Amino acid sequence: MRLRAAFALLPAALLLAGCSGDDSADTPPPTSTSASAPATTPTETTPKRNVGEGVYEPTDEVVSETYGIATRITDVSPIDTRYGPGVVITFDLRNDSDEIFQDYNWPTPSLSTGERGVPAEQIFSGEDNLPQGVSGNIPPGASRVVRHGFEVSMEDMTDATLSVGSIIWRGDFTTVGESSRTSGGGQAPAVTTTATVEQTQQSTGSQSQPAMSPPVGFTGAPNGDPQPLVGKTIDYCMDGDMYQTGTTQFTDGTTGWTQECAGQ
């Protein structure tokens, strides 16, 4: 009986084995999902230069958080001086605050060029009226024109960094004022500022006079050659035996020594 049972089960086992082989043969091979995904080609874009957080383009107008003075670079032009070729940068200042801006609070700009940030020397030239600082205090809503020169070429200004206090501009400065230089077939004429209401009051009622070059001398102990005293205006020369020749009283209440008073 046991032998018959074994033979009876043999056909069933063979049948199951045959079915199993047929199923494996008909099953399609597994496919790779990664192979079916279409290939993507990265899109090429022109990189945009990032001037950095808190750094402005040369054409941007920036308002000082401390004094409320809106500062804008209006022109960058080449110049030939007794010291050689250079560049003159013109600033337009506008007092957007409710308080008078004191002229001595205007900081001296600094310029560097190239990726390495090579410092540029500022031009001090009475013949070229450089630098031309803030002449007189600026009341709310009023404006001033300021000019500073540097011993660099216009080519250097294609990649430069200009700082005025905490305000920083970076980029190509040769395009600043370009339309005004090219539209008339030549370079824009130099801007000449005149005396303001504040200067008239300080001069005790005298008529307004054209802006003059800053006096030359010292505000502290004499050290080296006399330098232009940007932002200083002579009130009067302090004569008398108790004063050294050349001692000068300035309109802001300070004293110093100037060549102008020494030559009187």
Protein backbone atom coordinates (compact mmCIF):
# COMPACT_ATOMS: atom_id res chain seq x y z
CA MET A 1 0.00 0.00 0.00
CA ARG A 2 2.81 2.34 0.80
CA LEU A 3 4.45 1.64 -2.60
CA ARG A 4 1.21 2.44 -4.44
CA ALA A 5 0.85 5.73 -2.62
CA ALA A 6 4.35 6.75 -3.57
CA PHE A 7 3.75 6.00 -7.23
CA ALA A 8 0.47 7.82 -7.11
CA LEU A 9 2.06 10.99 -5.85
CA LEU A 10 4.86 10.94 -8.46
CA PRO A 11 2.81 12.35 -11.39
CA ALA A 12 1.53 15.19 -9.24
CA ALA A 13 5.04 16.10 -8.20
CA LEU A 14 6.26 16.11 -11.79
CA LEU A 15 3.30 18.24 -12.84
CA LEU A 16 4.05 20.85 -10.20
CA ALA A 17 7.71 20.90 -11.19
CA GLY A 18 6.82 21.50 -14.81
CA CYS A 19 4.47 24.37 -13.93
CA SER A 20 7.10 25.96 -11.78
CA GLY A 21 9.61 25.91 -14.64
CA ASP A 22 7.13 27.45 -17.07
CA ASP A 23 6.32 30.36 -14.72
CA SER A 24 9.99 31.30 -14.29
CA ALA A 25 10.56 31.26 -18.01
CA ASP A 26 7.62 33.56 -18.73
CA THR A 27 8.41 36.09 -15.98
CA PRO A 28 10.00 39.22 -17.55
CA PRO A 29 13.39 40.24 -16.19
CA PRO A 30 13.40 43.06 -13.64
CA THR A 31 13.91 46.50 -15.09
CA SER A 32 16.08 49.24 -13.63
CA THR A 33 14.14 52.35 -12.69
CA SER A 34 17.26 54.46 -12.97
CA ALA A 35 17.80 53.48 -16.59
CA SER A 36 14.29 54.53 -17.57
CA ALA A 37 14.65 58.09 -16.14
CA PRO A 38 15.50 60.63 -18.87
CA ALA A 39 18.95 62.21 -18.60
CA THR A 40 18.98 65.90 -17.63
CA THR A 41 21.40 68.44 -19.01
CA PRO A 42 22.34 71.32 -16.69
CA THR A 43 21.29 74.70 -18.01
CA GLU A 44 24.19 77.09 -18.56
CA THR A 45 23.58 80.59 -17.19
CA THR A 46 25.73 83.68 -17.13
CA PRO A 47 27.02 84.13 -13.57
CA LYS A 48 25.97 87.37 -11.92
CA ARG A 49 28.59 89.11 -9.84
CA ASN A 50 27.68 89.32 -6.19
CA VAL A 51 29.06 92.48 -4.67
CA GLY A 52 28.36 91.20 -1.16
CA GLU A 53 26.08 91.96 1.74
CA GLY A 54 26.03 95.69 2.50
CA VAL A 55 28.11 96.54 -0.60
CA TYR A 56 26.48 98.70 -3.29
CA GLU A 57 26.80 99.12 -7.03
CA PRO A 58 28.58 102.32 -8.20
CA THR A 59 25.28 103.75 -9.50
CA ASP A 60 23.39 103.21 -6.21
CA GLU A 61 22.36 106.12 -4.00
CA VAL A 62 22.94 105.25 -0.34
CA VAL A 63 21.52 106.97 2.73
CA SER A 64 23.69 107.10 5.86
CA GLU A 65 21.92 105.59 8.86
CA THR A 66 23.90 107.84 11.20
CA TYR A 67 23.35 111.27 9.63
CA GLY A 68 20.59 110.71 7.05
CA ILE A 69 22.79 111.99 4.22
CA ALA A 70 21.92 110.53 0.79
CA THR A 71 25.16 110.06 -1.15
CA ARG A 72 25.36 109.39 -4.88
CA ILE A 73 28.37 109.16 -7.21
CA THR A 74 27.50 111.34 -10.19
CA ASP A 75 30.71 111.36 -12.23
CA VAL A 76 34.07 109.61 -12.56
CA SER A 77 36.41 111.40 -14.97
CA PRO A 78 40.12 111.33 -15.89
CA ILE A 79 42.29 114.32 -15.01
CA ASP A 80 45.89 115.41 -15.60
CA THR A 81 47.56 117.06 -12.61
CA ARG A 82 51.07 118.15 -11.67
CA TYR A 83 51.38 114.74 -10.01
CA GLY A 84 50.44 112.88 -13.19
CA PRO A 85 47.23 111.32 -14.49
CA GLY A 86 44.42 110.62 -12.08
CA VAL A 87 40.70 110.25 -11.64
CA VAL A 88 38.21 112.69 -10.11
CA ILE A 89 35.13 111.28 -8.36
CA THR A 90 32.17 113.62 -7.89
CA PHE A 91 29.64 113.03 -5.11
CA ASP A 92 26.20 114.58 -4.69
CA LEU A 93 25.08 114.86 -1.05
CA ARG A 94 21.53 115.55 0.07
CA ASN A 95 20.43 115.97 3.68
CA ASP A 96 17.33 113.80 4.10
CA SER A 97 17.31 114.19 7.88
CA ASP A 98 15.64 116.77 10.11
CA GLU A 99 18.95 118.02 11.54
CA ILE A 100 21.81 120.14 10.24
CA PHE A 101 24.73 118.10 8.96
CA GLN A 102 28.05 119.50 10.21
CA ASP A 103 30.58 119.71 7.39
CA TYR A 104 33.40 118.23 9.47
CA ASN A 105 31.47 114.95 9.75
CA TRP A 106 32.12 114.18 6.08
CA PRO A 107 34.73 111.35 6.14
CA THR A 108 37.66 111.18 3.76
CA PRO A 109 36.87 108.65 1.00
CA SER A 110 39.26 105.76 0.37
CA LEU A 111 39.74 103.92 -2.91
CA SER A 112 41.30 100.56 -3.76
CA THR A 113 41.54 98.82 -7.14
CA GLY A 114 41.66 95.29 -8.47
CA GLU A 115 40.90 91.97 -6.84
CA ARG A 116 43.78 92.50 -4.39
CA GLY A 117 42.44 95.89 -3.31
CA VAL A 118 45.55 97.99 -3.96
CA PRO A 119 45.13 101.33 -2.10
CA ALA A 120 45.07 104.49 -4.22
CA GLU A 121 46.74 107.72 -3.14
CA GLN A 122 44.48 110.74 -2.86
CA ILE A 123 45.38 113.87 -4.83
CA PHE A 124 45.99 117.10 -2.89
CA SER A 125 46.27 119.88 -5.43
CA GLY A 126 45.29 123.50 -4.87
CA GLU A 127 45.66 124.19 -8.58
CA ASP A 128 42.99 121.58 -9.36
CA ASN A 129 40.87 122.42 -6.30
CA LEU A 130 41.29 118.89 -4.98
CA PRO A 131 39.99 117.71 -2.69
CA GLN A 132 36.81 119.79 -2.66
CA GLY A 133 35.13 118.79 0.59
CA VAL A 134 31.82 119.75 2.15
CA SER A 135 31.88 123.55 2.21
CA GLY A 136 29.59 124.69 4.99
CA ASN A 137 27.00 122.84 7.04
CA ILE A 138 24.07 121.25 5.18
CA PRO A 139 20.57 122.12 6.46
CA PRO A 140 17.69 119.64 6.02
CA GLY A 141 16.71 119.27 2.38
CA ALA A 142 19.84 121.02 1.06
CA SER A 143 22.57 119.51 -1.14
CA ARG A 144 26.31 119.78 -1.74
CA VAL A 145 28.76 118.69 -4.43
CA VAL A 146 32.03 117.08 -3.26
CA ARG A 147 35.04 116.12 -5.41
CA HIS A 148 38.00 113.89 -4.57
CA GLY A 149 40.90 112.88 -6.80
CA PHE A 150 42.99 109.70 -6.77
CA GLU A 151 46.23 108.70 -8.49
CA VAL A 152 44.78 105.89 -10.64
CA SER A 153 43.78 105.46 -14.28
CA MET A 154 40.29 105.03 -15.69
CA GLU A 155 41.26 101.46 -16.57
CA ASP A 156 41.88 100.81 -12.85
CA MET A 157 38.34 101.99 -12.12
CA THR A 158 36.78 99.05 -14.02
CA ASP A 159 37.24 96.99 -10.85
CA ALA A 160 37.43 99.20 -7.78
CA THR A 161 36.12 99.58 -4.24
CA LEU A 162 35.21 103.02 -2.87
CA SER A 163 34.46 103.62 0.81
CA VAL A 164 32.98 106.68 2.52
CA GLY A 165 32.72 105.91 6.20
CA SER A 166 30.64 102.74 6.52
CA ILE A 167 29.29 103.00 2.94
CA ILE A 168 31.02 100.79 0.37
CA TRP A 169 30.59 100.74 -3.42
CA ARG A 170 32.17 97.99 -5.56
CA GLY A 171 32.24 97.40 -9.30
CA ASP A 172 32.90 99.17 -12.60
CA PHE A 173 32.98 102.93 -11.99
CA THR A 174 33.74 103.86 -15.60
CA THR A 175 30.04 103.70 -16.46
CA VAL A 176 29.07 106.30 -13.85
CA GLY A 177 28.07 109.51 -15.62
CA GLU A 178 28.84 107.89 -18.99
CA SER A 179 25.69 109.21 -20.64
CA SER A 180 26.48 112.80 -19.67
CA ARG A 181 30.02 112.48 -21.06
CA THR A 182 29.03 110.94 -24.39
CA SER A 183 25.70 112.61 -25.20
CA GLY A 184 27.28 116.02 -25.75
CA GLY A 185 30.24 114.73 -27.73
CA GLY A 186 32.71 115.26 -24.93
CA GLN A 187 33.37 115.14 -21.24
CA ALA A 188 30.91 116.77 -18.89
CA PRO A 189 32.11 120.14 -17.60
CA ALA A 190 33.43 120.29 -14.08
CA VAL A 191 30.90 121.38 -11.48
CA THR A 192 31.75 124.54 -9.57
CA THR A 193 29.98 125.04 -6.26
CA THR A 194 29.24 128.43 -4.76
CA ALA A 195 28.99 129.62 -1.20
CA THR A 196 25.87 128.63 0.70
CA VAL A 197 23.56 130.33 3.15
CA GLU A 198 25.53 128.88 6.06
CA GLN A 199 28.79 130.31 4.72
CA THR A 200 27.15 133.72 4.35
CA GLN A 201 26.04 133.64 7.98
CA GLN A 202 29.49 132.57 9.14
CA SER A 203 31.14 135.40 7.25
CA THR A 204 29.12 137.91 9.34
CA GLY A 205 26.93 139.24 6.56
CA SER A 206 29.45 139.41 3.74
CA GLN A 207 28.33 138.59 0.21
CA SER A 208 28.60 134.98 -1.02
CA GLN A 209 31.96 134.18 -2.59
CA PRO A 210 32.97 131.25 -4.81
CA ALA A 211 34.25 128.23 -2.92
CA MET A 212 37.97 128.56 -2.24
CA SER A 213 40.68 125.98 -1.82
CA PRO A 214 41.15 124.79 1.76
CA PRO A 215 43.86 126.51 3.80
CA VAL A 216 47.25 124.81 4.01
CA GLY A 217 48.90 124.19 7.36
CA PHE A 218 48.45 122.19 10.55
CA THR A 219 45.72 121.75 13.13
CA GLY A 220 48.06 120.09 15.64
CA ALA A 221 51.78 120.03 16.28
CA PRO A 222 53.70 120.67 13.01
CA ASN A 223 54.85 117.34 11.60
CA GLY A 224 56.20 117.14 8.07
CA ASP A 225 55.04 119.38 5.25
CA PRO A 226 51.89 121.52 5.61
CA GLN A 227 48.80 119.78 4.29
CA PRO A 228 45.47 121.04 2.89
CA LEU A 229 43.05 121.40 5.81
CA VAL A 230 39.90 120.01 4.22
CA GLY A 231 36.74 121.26 5.92
CA LYS A 232 38.52 124.19 7.59
CA THR A 233 37.77 127.85 6.90
CA ILE A 234 39.91 130.68 8.22
CA ASP A 235 38.04 133.06 10.51
CA TYR A 236 40.94 135.41 11.24
CA CYS A 237 44.69 135.44 11.80
CA MET A 238 45.74 135.68 15.43
CA ASP A 239 48.28 138.50 15.57
CA GLY A 240 50.17 139.82 18.55
CA ASP A 241 53.28 139.06 20.53
CA MET A 242 51.63 136.22 22.43
CA TYR A 243 50.94 134.21 19.25
CA GLN A 244 53.34 132.56 16.86
CA THR A 245 53.25 133.99 13.35
CA GLY A 246 50.75 132.04 11.32
CA THR A 247 48.46 131.11 14.22
CA THR A 248 44.95 130.87 12.82
CA GLN A 249 41.43 130.89 14.23
CA PHE A 250 39.02 128.71 12.21
CA THR A 251 35.29 129.22 11.89
CA ASP A 252 34.56 125.99 13.75
CA GLY A 253 36.22 127.38 16.90
CA THR A 254 39.51 125.49 16.60
CA THR A 255 42.95 126.96 16.05
CA GLY A 256 46.02 125.95 14.07
CA TRP A 257 48.79 127.25 11.83
CA THR A 258 48.32 128.19 8.16
CA GLN A 259 50.53 129.44 5.39
CA GLU A 260 47.93 132.08 4.59
CA CYS A 261 48.26 133.76 7.99
CA ALA A 262 52.02 133.25 8.09
CA GLY A 263 52.36 135.16 4.84
CA GLN A 264 50.53 138.25 6.10
